Amino acid sequence: MENGKDLRIRSKVISEGANRVPNRAMLRAVGFQDDDFKKPMIGIASTWSEVTPCNMHINDLAIQAKTGARNNGGAPLIFNTITVSDGISMGHGGMLFSLPSREAIADSIEIVAGAERFDGVVAIGGCDKNTPACLMAIGRMNIPSVYVYGGTIQPGNLDGKKVDIVSAFEAVGQYQDGKITDEQLHKVECSVCPGPGACGGMYTANTMAAAAEAMGMCLPGSSSTSAISADKALECEAAGKQVIALLEQEIYPRDIMTKKAFENAITVVMALGGSTNAFLHLLAIAHSVEVDLTLDDFERIRLRVPHLADLKPSGQYVMQDLNDIGGVSGVMKLLLAEGLLHGDCLTVTGTTLAENLAEAAPLQNNQEIIRPLDNPLKPDGPLVVLRGNLAPEGAVAKMSGMKIQQFSGPTKVYDSEEDATEAIMNDEIQEGDVLVIRYCGPKGGPGMPEMLSVTALIVGKGLGGKVALITDGRFSGGSHGFVVGHVSPEAQVGGPISLLKNGDIITIDSDIQEIKVQVSEEELAARAQEWVQPPLKVSSGVLGKYAKLVSSASRGAVTDLME
């Protein structure tokens, strides 16, 4: 039975009986000895790659995890999967491949672990799509597993100020607006990424790492320990050891990733002011473990969880700063004490979240990174679900750092990110405008590209918070400003966003969670009658396959939704 608890002995099918001699012969070639065939086979899923600093160090971490599994009774084997760099793919056609890479990573881990009949897995990820992809695969397979986050990058330093990759994107906008010189732009480029690790603010990689820790799928402290820390290597060795313990205790991912565990993850994401991509990824992970999670759950939890963390992109600090004062574990300890977390959730330690946090150090006193609960940055969570006649299935806005909660203005509508970017650079977008970028959803993109380049240009030109941006695409965790993404249904399938015309008045109100266009139902119906669905932009290859299979963003943009 696949996805069932009898999978604890599944490697026996390649190690026992005379007819398994060819299987064993193959394994002997990669180093197995007689005793190894009596041990559980552990797959070490490594996302090592030189294409991004997020993952350039993970090969060494995989070796540490292998050591931990081998020294504690396992027979481990390292295998690799792909990754892409969201930062490098941003702002051009490469971004179309970013979200589909999540599916490719998850599928490849599931394929290798299924084919090789591994008894357990340690998965190690870095860049944005790695964490959700690893957890999706782990959830589908439901074999004892531990996830390890490769860790955050150190902040760069430019003229005594901390900088990161978003600083580079925003510097482009400043350069285009004549505010900085070629030489200054080059200095930014050379300063923002000093070494290994994922982007340093509360962007998507760190957001999803924190969510994984809150769900109990990684060892305590994993999400905030930096990539270059000696503790990260020790953690990987401990993860290899712990997966053997999970096998012995017969603890499976679906015992851990329950509905209450997802509620813990949402709580932590809201308190930290995480990326809007958390909606897509948590919905997709929940789908993989057959947990009923919807946008309504995010909104329900948001209303009771204050925003506490003054972290980039809308705040001042980075993940390394948070780690220095107690990390995500310290934040969770605070939230648990206030009754905002389910402490009885099982974790990969074999003990409950509350038991883990009892051992965690509290946040340091006299620090400014995490606000006290009686003085939050915002009394409720900053990631808001919006609905209305423009987004019947929902849309998502990030309101951290925003001084205004409502925005109303005339639309300027573009059917591609490239056209919108050109309009911004040519100063066609003015204060008070609502910039609409459509046909960028999961099917229409295809691949639901992020708009970090667009939002960074807006900020760089001094229009941050002075214009609104609406898209059926999505945003980088580094985006900030008055931005609304994930508009569903998307334009490609005839969602209302496809019916907009230049000059339509759109109102966004985060207080009442509404996004609407001031056009009558009769007029919208008439426009719908005239609308003609365009062909998919790509009809073959990985993007063509993805566009045909992918679900709505409101369902997590998954490709295995069978209805």
Protein backbone atom coordinates (compact mmCIF):
# COMPACT_ATOMS: atom_id res chain seq x y z
CA MET A 1 0.00 0.00 0.00
CA GLU A 2 1.52 3.34 -1.07
CA ASN A 3 1.37 6.28 1.36
CA GLY A 4 0.71 3.86 4.19
CA LYS A 5 2.46 2.87 7.38
CA ASP A 6 3.53 -0.54 6.07
CA LEU A 7 6.22 1.30 4.06
CA ARG A 8 8.64 0.96 6.99
CA ILE A 9 9.94 -2.28 5.49
CA ARG A 10 9.76 -1.39 1.85
CA SER A 11 13.54 -1.55 1.24
CA LYS A 12 13.37 -5.27 2.02
CA VAL A 13 12.04 -5.83 -1.49
CA ILE A 14 15.52 -5.14 -2.85
CA SER A 15 17.57 -6.85 -0.13
CA GLU A 16 16.02 -10.20 0.77
CA GLY A 17 15.79 -13.47 -1.16
CA ALA A 18 17.94 -15.11 -3.80
CA ASN A 19 16.07 -13.39 -6.59
CA ARG A 20 17.32 -10.07 -5.24
CA VAL A 21 20.97 -10.78 -6.04
CA PRO A 22 21.03 -8.31 -8.99
CA ASN A 23 19.58 -5.58 -6.74
CA ARG A 24 22.23 -6.19 -4.11
CA ALA A 25 24.97 -6.37 -6.72
CA MET A 26 24.08 -2.88 -7.89
CA LEU A 27 24.21 -1.56 -4.35
CA ARG A 28 27.54 -3.25 -3.66
CA ALA A 29 28.96 -1.18 -6.50
CA VAL A 30 28.09 2.01 -4.62
CA GLY A 31 29.61 0.76 -1.37
CA PHE A 32 27.12 -1.51 0.42
CA GLN A 33 28.49 -4.37 2.50
CA ASP A 34 26.67 -7.47 3.82
CA ASP A 35 25.51 -5.74 7.00
CA ASP A 36 24.03 -2.80 5.08
CA PHE A 37 21.32 -5.01 3.62
CA LYS A 38 20.00 -5.58 7.14
CA LYS A 39 19.66 -1.83 7.80
CA PRO A 40 16.97 0.64 6.81
CA MET A 41 17.85 2.46 3.61
CA ILE A 42 17.79 6.23 4.07
CA GLY A 43 17.67 8.63 1.16
CA ILE A 44 19.46 11.96 1.63
CA ALA A 45 17.72 14.33 -0.79
CA SER A 46 20.18 17.09 -1.60
CA THR A 47 19.29 20.25 -3.50
CA TRP A 48 22.96 21.14 -3.93
CA SER A 49 23.71 23.34 -6.93
CA GLU A 50 26.13 26.04 -7.98
CA VAL A 51 23.38 28.07 -9.70
CA THR A 52 22.47 29.95 -6.53
CA PRO A 53 24.13 30.94 -3.24
CA CYS A 54 21.09 29.49 -1.47
CA ASN A 55 22.24 25.97 -2.32
CA MET A 56 25.97 26.15 -3.04
CA HIS A 57 26.90 24.68 0.36
CA ILE A 58 24.30 21.93 0.62
CA ASN A 59 26.53 19.11 -0.66
CA ASP A 60 28.59 19.40 2.52
CA LEU A 61 25.41 19.38 4.61
CA ALA A 62 24.17 16.24 2.83
CA ILE A 63 27.40 14.46 3.72
CA GLN A 64 26.84 15.38 7.38
CA ALA A 65 23.30 14.00 7.25
CA LYS A 66 24.60 10.81 5.67
CA THR A 67 27.14 10.47 8.49
CA GLY A 68 24.42 10.86 11.08
CA ALA A 69 22.25 8.18 9.50
CA ARG A 70 25.16 5.76 8.99
CA ASN A 71 26.48 6.15 12.54
CA ASN A 72 23.06 5.35 13.97
CA GLY A 73 22.17 2.17 12.15
CA GLY A 74 21.07 3.31 8.71
CA ALA A 75 22.30 2.62 5.21
CA PRO A 76 22.19 6.11 3.65
CA LEU A 77 22.51 7.18 0.03
CA ILE A 78 22.71 10.75 -1.23
CA PHE A 79 20.73 11.71 -4.31
CA ASN A 80 20.26 15.09 -5.92
CA THR A 81 17.39 17.09 -7.30
CA ILE A 82 17.22 20.40 -9.12
CA THR A 83 16.86 23.94 -7.94
CA VAL A 84 16.57 27.30 -9.66
CA SER A 85 17.59 30.70 -8.38
CA ASP A 86 14.55 32.91 -8.03
CA GLY A 87 16.78 35.98 -7.82
CA ILE A 88 18.60 35.18 -11.04
CA SER A 89 15.42 34.18 -12.88
CA MET A 90 13.61 37.38 -11.80
CA GLY A 91 12.51 40.03 -14.26
CA HIS A 92 12.69 38.00 -17.50
CA GLY A 93 11.36 34.80 -19.06
CA GLY A 94 13.31 32.64 -16.66
CA MET A 95 10.82 33.45 -13.90
CA LEU A 96 8.20 31.35 -15.72
CA PHE A 97 10.12 28.27 -14.59
CA SER A 98 10.33 29.18 -10.91
CA LEU A 99 7.01 27.92 -9.54
CA PRO A 100 6.99 24.87 -11.85
CA SER A 101 10.35 23.95 -10.31
CA ARG A 102 8.51 23.28 -7.05
CA GLU A 103 6.59 20.48 -8.75
CA ALA A 104 9.71 19.13 -10.46
CA ILE A 105 11.60 18.99 -7.15
CA ALA A 106 8.73 17.30 -5.33
CA ASP A 107 8.14 14.84 -8.16
CA SER A 108 11.82 13.93 -8.44
CA ILE A 109 12.19 13.22 -4.72
CA GLU A 110 9.06 11.09 -4.78
CA ILE A 111 10.29 9.25 -7.88
CA VAL A 112 13.75 8.43 -6.50
CA ALA A 113 12.51 7.46 -3.05
CA GLY A 114 9.75 5.33 -4.58
CA ALA A 115 12.00 3.60 -7.09
CA GLU A 116 14.79 2.89 -4.62
CA ARG A 117 12.31 1.85 -1.87
CA PHE A 118 13.88 4.05 0.79
CA ASP A 119 12.62 3.53 4.32
CA GLY A 120 13.19 7.14 5.32
CA VAL A 121 14.38 10.46 3.95
CA VAL A 122 16.35 13.47 5.09
CA ALA A 123 15.68 16.34 2.68
CA ILE A 124 17.87 19.45 2.66
CA GLY A 125 16.72 22.61 0.88
CA GLY A 126 17.74 26.20 0.40
CA CYS A 127 16.06 28.47 -2.16
CA ASP A 128 12.39 29.46 -2.15
CA LYS A 129 10.79 26.40 -3.78
CA ASN A 130 12.98 23.85 -2.00
CA THR A 131 11.21 23.79 1.35
CA PRO A 132 7.64 23.42 0.05
CA ALA A 133 8.75 20.94 -2.60
CA CYS A 134 10.57 18.75 -0.08
CA LEU A 135 7.60 18.81 2.28
CA MET A 136 5.19 18.02 -0.56
CA ALA A 137 7.24 14.96 -1.50
CA ILE A 138 7.58 13.90 2.13
CA GLY A 139 3.83 14.27 2.58
CA ARG A 140 3.01 12.21 -0.50
CA MET A 141 5.41 9.39 0.38
CA ASN A 142 4.54 9.34 4.08
CA ILE A 143 7.73 7.60 5.11
CA PRO A 144 9.67 8.77 8.21
CA SER A 145 11.42 11.97 7.21
CA VAL A 146 13.19 15.04 8.53
CA TYR A 147 13.55 18.32 6.67
CA VAL A 148 16.64 20.52 7.09
CA TYR A 149 16.77 24.13 5.93
CA GLY A 150 20.14 25.05 4.46
CA GLY A 151 20.06 28.37 6.26
CA THR A 152 20.00 32.09 5.68
CA ILE A 153 22.70 34.18 4.05
CA GLN A 154 24.57 36.79 6.06
CA PRO A 155 23.58 40.39 5.31
CA GLY A 156 25.88 42.36 3.06
CA ASN A 157 27.44 45.64 4.10
CA LEU A 158 27.43 48.82 2.05
CA ASP A 159 28.73 52.03 3.58
CA GLY A 160 27.97 50.74 7.06
CA LYS A 161 24.41 49.67 6.22
CA LYS A 162 23.06 46.11 5.95
CA VAL A 163 21.96 45.27 2.42
CA ASP A 164 20.52 42.23 0.67
CA ILE A 165 19.32 41.10 -2.75
CA VAL A 166 16.21 43.32 -2.61
CA SER A 167 18.56 46.30 -2.21
CA ALA A 168 19.91 45.44 -5.66
CA PHE A 169 16.46 45.33 -7.28
CA GLU A 170 15.47 48.63 -5.70
CA ALA A 171 18.79 50.18 -6.73
CA VAL A 172 17.85 49.51 -10.36
CA GLY A 173 14.77 51.68 -9.90
CA GLN A 174 16.88 54.39 -8.29
CA TYR A 175 19.35 54.20 -11.17
CA GLN A 176 16.58 54.43 -13.77
CA ASP A 177 15.28 57.51 -11.97
CA GLY A 178 18.72 59.14 -11.97
CA LYS A 179 19.13 58.96 -8.20
CA ILE A 180 22.35 56.92 -8.20
CA THR A 181 25.28 56.59 -10.59
CA ASP A 182 26.74 53.62 -12.47
CA GLU A 183 29.48 53.39 -9.87
CA GLN A 184 27.02 53.36 -6.98
CA LEU A 185 24.88 50.71 -8.70
CA HIS A 186 27.99 48.55 -9.17
CA LYS A 187 28.86 48.89 -5.47
CA VAL A 188 25.38 47.66 -4.57
CA GLU A 189 25.76 44.70 -6.92
CA CYS A 190 29.06 43.72 -5.33
CA SER A 191 27.83 44.03 -1.74
CA VAL A 192 24.45 42.39 -1.35
CA CYS A 193 25.28 38.65 -1.48
CA PRO A 194 28.43 37.93 0.56
CA GLY A 195 28.30 34.11 0.55
CA PRO A 196 26.20 30.96 0.96
CA GLY A 197 22.61 30.93 2.12
CA ALA A 198 19.11 31.96 1.14
CA CYS A 199 17.99 35.59 0.88
CA GLY A 200 18.29 37.12 4.33
CA GLY A 201 15.03 38.94 5.06
CA MET A 202 11.64 37.47 5.85
CA TYR A 203 11.33 36.57 2.19
CA THR A 204 9.95 33.29 0.86
CA ALA A 205 12.84 30.98 1.78
CA ASN A 206 12.99 32.11 5.40
CA THR A 207 9.20 32.28 5.60
CA MET A 208 8.78 28.67 4.53
CA ALA A 209 11.64 27.52 6.73
CA ALA A 210 9.90 29.11 9.71
CA ALA A 211 6.64 27.44 8.64
CA ALA A 212 8.39 24.06 8.47
CA GLU A 213 9.74 24.48 11.98
CA ALA A 214 6.32 25.54 13.24
CA MET A 215 4.81 22.43 11.64
CA GLY A 216 7.32 20.26 13.45
CA MET A 217 8.99 18.86 10.32
CA CYS A 218 12.51 20.02 11.16
CA LEU A 219 14.63 20.00 14.28
CA PRO A 220 14.20 22.95 16.66
CA GLY A 221 16.20 25.98 15.54
CA SER A 222 16.60 24.84 11.93
CA SER A 223 14.81 27.78 10.36
CA SER A 224 16.97 30.56 11.76
CA THR A 225 20.44 28.98 11.99
CA SER A 226 22.57 30.58 9.29
CA ALA A 227 24.06 28.70 6.37
CA ILE A 228 27.67 29.25 7.46
CA SER A 229 27.14 28.39 11.11
CA ALA A 230 28.87 25.31 12.50
CA ASP A 231 25.54 24.53 14.15
CA LYS A 232 23.98 23.90 10.72
CA ALA A 233 26.38 21.05 10.00
CA LEU A 234 25.70 19.56 13.44
CA GLU A 235 21.98 19.85 12.80
CA CYS A 236 22.30 17.85 9.58
CA GLU A 237 24.13 15.07 11.40
CA ALA A 238 21.41 15.11 14.06
CA ALA A 239 18.74 14.90 11.36
CA GLY A 240 20.36 11.76 9.97
CA LYS A 241 20.26 10.26 13.43
CA GLN A 242 16.69 11.36 14.07
CA VAL A 243 15.23 9.77 10.94
CA ILE A 244 16.34 6.40 12.33
CA ALA A 245 14.58 7.20 15.60
CA LEU A 246 11.39 8.06 13.68
CA LEU A 247 11.55 4.67 11.99
CA GLU A 248 11.96 2.93 15.33
CA GLN A 249 9.05 4.90 16.83
CA GLU A 250 6.93 4.49 13.67
CA ILE A 251 6.26 8.22 13.39
CA TYR A 252 5.21 9.32 9.93
CA PRO A 253 4.87 12.74 8.27
CA ARG A 254 1.09 12.60 8.28
CA ASP A 255 1.19 12.07 12.04
CA ILE A 256 3.00 15.43 12.23
CA MET A 257 1.53 17.53 9.41
CA THR A 258 -2.01 17.71 10.79
CA LYS A 259 -4.54 20.52 10.47
CA LYS A 260 -3.38 21.93 13.81
CA ALA A 261 0.24 21.86 12.60
CA PHE A 262 -0.73 23.93 9.58
CA GLU A 263 -2.51 26.37 11.87
CA ASN A 264 0.74 26.69 13.83
CA ALA A 265 2.60 27.40 10.60
CA ILE A 266 0.13 30.11 9.57
CA THR A 267 0.35 31.65 13.05
CA VAL A 268 4.14 31.93 12.87
CA VAL A 269 4.06 33.29 9.30
CA MET A 270 1.58 35.99 10.37
CA ALA A 271 3.58 36.94 13.48
CA LEU A 272 6.77 37.22 11.43
CA GLY A 273 5.15 39.10 8.53
CA GLY A 274 6.17 36.46 6.02
CA SER A 275 5.82 36.17 2.27
CA THR A 276 2.50 35.93 0.45
CA ASN A 277 3.95 32.84 -1.22
CA ALA A 278 3.19 31.04 2.05
CA PHE A 279 -0.42 30.82 0.89
CA LEU A 280 0.50 28.93 -2.27
CA HIS A 281 2.98 26.65 -0.59
CA LEU A 282 1.07 25.75 2.56
CA LEU A 283 -2.03 24.99 0.48
CA ALA A 284 0.08 22.73 -1.74
CA ILE A 285 1.74 20.94 1.19
CA ALA A 286 -1.68 20.45 2.81
CA HIS A 287 -2.93 18.92 -0.43
CA SER A 288 -0.03 16.45 -0.35
CA VAL A 289 -1.08 15.15 3.09
CA GLU A 290 -4.83 15.35 2.41
CA VAL A 291 -5.45 18.10 4.99
CA ASP A 292 -8.36 20.40 4.20
CA LEU A 293 -6.77 23.86 4.23
CA THR A 294 -8.34 26.90 2.55
CA LEU A 295 -7.83 30.64 2.29
CA ASP A 296 -10.52 31.01 4.95
CA ASP A 297 -8.21 29.31 7.46
CA PHE A 298 -5.53 31.91 6.81
CA GLU A 299 -7.99 34.73 7.36
CA ARG A 300 -9.43 33.15 10.52
CA ILE A 301 -5.98 32.83 12.06
CA ARG A 302 -4.81 36.25 10.85
CA LEU A 303 -7.50 37.99 12.87
CA ARG A 304 -6.12 36.69 16.17
CA VAL A 305 -2.35 36.83 15.56
CA PRO A 306 -0.46 40.15 15.88
CA HIS A 307 2.39 41.10 13.57
CA LEU A 308 5.45 41.24 15.83
CA ALA A 309 8.59 41.07 13.67
CA ASP A 310 10.35 44.17 12.31
CA LEU A 311 11.96 42.24 9.48
CA LYS A 312 12.76 43.08 5.87
CA PRO A 313 11.34 43.76 3.33
CA SER A 314 9.00 46.17 5.14
CA GLY A 315 11.07 46.30 8.34
CA GLN A 316 14.67 46.88 9.33
CA TYR A 317 16.19 43.53 10.29
CA VAL A 318 17.18 40.21 8.71
CA MET A 319 17.00 36.56 9.75
CA GLN A 320 20.53 36.61 11.17
CA ASP A 321 19.48 39.39 13.53
CA LEU A 322 16.51 37.30 14.66
CA ASN A 323 18.74 34.29 15.18
CA ASP A 324 21.04 36.33 17.37
CA ILE A 325 18.23 37.16 19.82
CA GLY A 326 16.59 33.73 20.07
CA GLY A 327 15.44 32.81 16.57
CA VAL A 328 12.14 31.42 15.40
CA SER A 329 12.10 29.07 18.39
CA GLY A 330 12.12 32.09 20.70
CA VAL A 331 9.22 33.64 18.80
CA MET A 332 7.29 30.37 19.00
CA LYS A 333 7.96 30.14 22.73
CA LEU A 334 6.40 33.60 23.10
CA LEU A 335 3.40 32.67 20.96
CA LEU A 336 2.85 29.41 22.85
CA ALA A 337 2.87 31.22 26.18
CA GLU A 338 0.08 33.45 24.86
CA GLY A 339 -2.02 30.46 23.78
CA LEU A 340 -1.55 31.15 20.07
CA LEU A 341 0.02 27.79 19.17
CA HIS A 342 -1.17 24.20 19.52
CA GLY A 343 1.46 22.84 21.89
CA ASP A 344 0.24 19.25 21.69
CA CYS A 345 1.31 18.77 18.06
CA LEU A 346 3.78 15.93 17.45
CA THR A 347 7.12 16.86 15.85
CA VAL A 348 10.06 15.04 14.25
CA THR A 349 11.80 15.01 17.63
CA GLY A 350 9.23 12.41 18.69
CA THR A 351 7.96 14.84 21.32
CA THR A 352 5.43 17.64 21.17
CA LEU A 353 5.93 21.22 20.16
CA ALA A 354 5.37 22.34 23.74
CA GLU A 355 8.02 19.91 25.00
CA ASN A 356 10.50 21.19 22.41
CA LEU A 357 9.81 24.82 23.29
CA ALA A 358 10.22 24.13 27.00
CA GLU A 359 13.89 23.53 26.17
CA ALA A 360 14.21 26.61 23.96
CA ALA A 361 15.75 29.84 25.20
CA PRO A 362 13.37 32.81 25.38
CA LEU A 363 13.92 35.87 23.25
CA GLN A 364 16.52 38.23 24.65
CA ASN A 365 15.38 41.22 26.63
CA ASN A 366 15.91 44.77 25.39
CA GLN A 367 15.77 43.87 21.72
CA GLU A 368 13.82 45.69 19.00
CA ILE A 369 13.35 42.96 16.41
CA ILE A 370 10.33 41.20 17.94
CA ARG A 371 7.76 43.47 19.51
CA PRO A 372 5.94 42.54 22.74
CA LEU A 373 2.38 41.36 22.23
CA ASP A 374 0.99 44.48 23.90
CA ASN A 375 2.84 46.71 21.41
CA PRO A 376 2.74 44.94 18.02
CA LEU A 377 3.53 46.44 14.66
CA LYS A 378 -0.02 45.56 13.72
CA PRO A 379 -2.71 44.08 16.00
CA ASP A 380 -3.51 41.34 13.51
CA GLY A 381 -1.64 39.52 10.78
CA PRO A 382 -0.40 41.49 7.75
CA LEU A 383 -1.21 38.87 5.09
CA VAL A 384 -4.80 39.62 4.10
CA VAL A 385 -7.20 37.58 1.97
CA LEU A 386 -9.32 39.86 -0.22
CA ARG A 387 -12.50 38.97 -2.07
CA GLY A 388 -14.97 40.85 -4.23
CA ASN A 389 -16.22 41.12 -7.79
CA LEU A 390 -12.62 41.28 -9.02
CA ALA A 391 -11.46 38.16 -7.13
CA PRO A 392 -14.38 35.84 -6.32
CA GLU A 393 -12.00 33.00 -5.34
CA GLY A 394 -9.72 35.33 -3.44
CA ALA A 395 -6.58 37.44 -3.70
CA VAL A 396 -3.74 38.09 -1.27
CA ALA A 397 -2.23 41.36 -0.04
CA LYS A 398 0.68 41.98 2.30
CA MET A 399 -0.05 45.01 4.47
CA SER A 400 3.06 45.08 6.65
CA GLY A 401 4.64 48.51 6.83
CA MET A 402 1.68 50.17 5.13
CA LYS A 403 0.35 53.41 6.62
CA ILE A 404 -2.87 53.23 4.60
CA GLN A 405 -5.33 50.35 4.50
CA GLN A 406 -7.48 51.49 1.56
CA PHE A 407 -6.63 52.51 -1.98
CA SER A 408 -8.87 53.60 -4.84
CA GLY A 409 -7.87 54.78 -8.27
CA PRO A 410 -8.10 54.38 -12.05
CA THR A 411 -6.58 51.34 -13.71
CA LYS A 412 -3.76 51.12 -16.18
CA VAL A 413 -3.97 47.61 -17.57
CA TYR A 414 -1.13 45.55 -19.06
CA ASP A 415 -1.20 41.98 -20.34
CA SER A 416 2.43 41.21 -19.49
CA GLU A 417 5.09 42.09 -16.96
CA GLU A 418 7.35 43.32 -19.75
CA ASP A 419 4.81 45.91 -20.92
CA ALA A 420 4.20 47.07 -17.34
CA THR A 421 7.93 47.38 -16.68
CA GLU A 422 8.37 49.53 -19.77
CA ALA A 423 5.47 51.72 -18.67
CA ILE A 424 7.01 52.27 -15.24
CA MET A 425 10.41 53.11 -16.70
CA ASN A 426 8.77 55.55 -19.10
CA ASP A 427 6.96 57.28 -16.21
CA GLU A 428 3.53 56.31 -17.53
CA ILE A 429 2.49 55.17 -14.04
CA GLN A 430 1.62 58.11 -11.80
CA GLU A 431 0.71 58.57 -8.17
CA GLY A 432 -2.85 57.37 -7.55
CA ASP A 433 -2.88 54.78 -10.36
CA VAL A 434 -3.86 51.15 -9.95
CA LEU A 435 -1.43 49.16 -12.10
CA VAL A 436 -2.95 45.88 -13.31
CA ILE A 437 -0.75 43.11 -14.71
CA ARG A 438 -2.76 40.12 -15.95
CA TYR A 439 -2.37 36.89 -17.90
CA CYS A 440 0.40 36.07 -15.43
CA GLY A 441 -1.40 33.41 -13.39
CA PRO A 442 -0.49 29.73 -13.06
CA LYS A 443 -1.90 28.94 -16.52
CA GLY A 444 -1.58 32.36 -18.12
CA GLY A 445 2.07 33.04 -17.27
CA PRO A 446 2.47 30.17 -17.43
CA GLY A 447 4.08 29.61 -14.07
CA MET A 448 2.70 32.58 -12.12
CA PRO A 449 5.84 34.77 -12.27
CA GLU A 450 6.88 36.93 -9.35
CA MET A 451 6.85 40.70 -9.73
CA LEU A 452 9.85 41.73 -7.62
CA SER A 453 11.40 43.68 -10.47
CA VAL A 454 8.16 45.64 -10.96
CA THR A 455 7.63 46.37 -7.26
CA ALA A 456 11.29 47.27 -6.81
CA LEU A 457 11.11 49.70 -9.74
CA ILE A 458 8.02 51.30 -8.21
CA VAL A 459 9.81 51.73 -4.87
CA GLY A 460 12.99 52.91 -6.57
CA LYS A 461 11.02 55.60 -8.41
CA GLY A 462 9.56 56.88 -5.16
CA LEU A 463 6.05 55.53 -5.79
CA GLY A 464 6.00 52.93 -3.01
CA GLY A 465 2.57 53.09 -1.36
CA LYS A 466 1.51 55.81 -3.82
CA VAL A 467 0.32 53.41 -6.50
CA ALA A 468 -1.38 50.04 -6.15
CA LEU A 469 -0.42 46.93 -8.10
CA ILE A 470 -2.85 44.10 -8.82
CA THR A 471 -1.94 40.88 -10.60
CA ASP A 472 -3.01 37.29 -11.10
CA GLY A 473 0.69 36.55 -10.81
CA ARG A 474 2.52 36.61 -7.51
CA PHE A 475 5.13 38.53 -5.60
CA SER A 476 8.56 37.77 -4.27
CA GLY A 477 8.85 37.65 -0.53
CA GLY A 478 11.00 40.71 -1.05
CA SER A 479 8.16 42.75 -2.53
CA HIS A 480 6.51 45.46 -0.49
CA GLY A 481 4.14 48.34 -1.10
CA PHE A 482 0.41 48.35 -1.84
CA VAL A 483 0.39 45.13 -3.85
CA VAL A 484 -2.29 42.48 -4.39
CA GLY A 485 -1.48 39.14 -6.01
CA HIS A 486 -2.93 35.67 -6.61
CA VAL A 487 -6.13 37.22 -8.04
CA SER A 488 -8.38 34.24 -8.74
CA PRO A 489 -9.83 33.14 -11.06
CA GLU A 490 -6.95 34.26 -13.26
CA ALA A 491 -7.33 36.09 -16.57
CA GLN A 492 -6.41 33.04 -18.66
CA VAL A 493 -9.58 31.23 -17.58
CA GLY A 494 -11.81 34.28 -17.88
CA GLY A 495 -11.64 35.62 -14.35
CA PRO A 496 -12.96 39.16 -13.83
CA ILE A 497 -9.44 40.58 -14.03
CA SER A 498 -9.55 39.70 -17.75
CA LEU A 499 -12.51 42.08 -18.20
CA LEU A 500 -10.85 45.25 -16.89
CA LYS A 501 -10.35 48.28 -19.11
CA ASN A 502 -8.11 51.32 -18.70
CA GLY A 503 -9.74 53.88 -16.45
CA ASP A 504 -11.93 51.48 -14.47
CA ILE A 505 -11.95 52.49 -10.83
CA ILE A 506 -10.71 49.81 -8.45
CA THR A 507 -11.01 49.97 -4.67
CA ILE A 508 -8.88 47.86 -2.34
CA ASP A 509 -9.90 47.84 1.32
CA SER A 510 -7.89 45.63 3.66
CA ASP A 511 -10.07 46.55 6.65
CA ILE A 512 -13.13 44.85 5.15
CA GLN A 513 -11.03 42.44 3.02
CA GLU A 514 -12.53 43.60 -0.26
CA ILE A 515 -11.26 44.20 -3.77
CA LYS A 516 -13.78 45.46 -6.29
CA VAL A 517 -14.06 47.25 -9.60
CA GLN A 518 -16.70 49.95 -9.84
CA VAL A 519 -18.39 48.48 -12.90
CA SER A 520 -21.96 47.21 -12.87
CA GLU A 521 -22.75 43.50 -13.01
CA GLU A 522 -24.51 44.09 -16.32
CA GLU A 523 -21.43 45.74 -17.83
CA LEU A 524 -19.14 42.98 -16.57
CA ALA A 525 -21.51 40.37 -18.03
CA ALA A 526 -21.48 42.17 -21.37
CA ARG A 527 -17.67 42.29 -21.36
CA ALA A 528 -17.58 38.59 -20.51
CA GLN A 529 -19.70 37.83 -23.56
CA GLU A 530 -17.17 39.64 -25.75
CA TRP A 531 -14.08 38.09 -24.10
CA VAL A 532 -12.24 35.46 -26.12
CA GLN A 533 -9.92 33.08 -24.33
CA PRO A 534 -6.40 33.40 -25.72
CA PRO A 535 -4.43 30.25 -26.48
CA LEU A 536 -1.93 29.11 -23.89
CA LYS A 537 1.38 30.89 -24.42
CA VAL A 538 3.25 27.59 -24.36
CA SER A 539 1.82 24.33 -25.72
CA SER A 540 4.69 21.87 -25.29
CA GLY A 541 7.58 21.08 -23.00
CA VAL A 542 7.56 21.51 -19.26
CA LEU A 543 5.70 24.84 -19.32
CA GLY A 544 3.07 23.50 -21.70
CA LYS A 545 2.49 20.48 -19.50
CA TYR A 546 2.39 22.67 -16.41
CA ALA A 547 -0.13 25.09 -17.93
CA LYS A 548 -2.47 22.23 -18.81
CA LEU A 549 -2.33 20.60 -15.37
CA VAL A 550 -1.96 23.42 -12.84
CA SER A 551 -4.80 24.39 -10.52
CA SER A 552 -5.91 27.85 -9.43
CA ALA A 553 -3.70 29.79 -7.05
CA SER A 554 -6.56 29.58 -4.56
CA ARG A 555 -5.95 25.82 -4.49
CA GLY A 556 -2.16 26.08 -4.17
CA ALA A 557 -1.26 25.92 -7.90
CA VAL A 558 -0.76 22.16 -7.70
CA THR A 559 -0.51 19.84 -10.69
CA ASP A 560 -2.01 16.68 -9.19
CA LEU A 561 -5.47 17.99 -8.31
CA MET A 562 -7.74 15.26 -9.61
CA GLU A 563 -11.44 16.10 -9.65
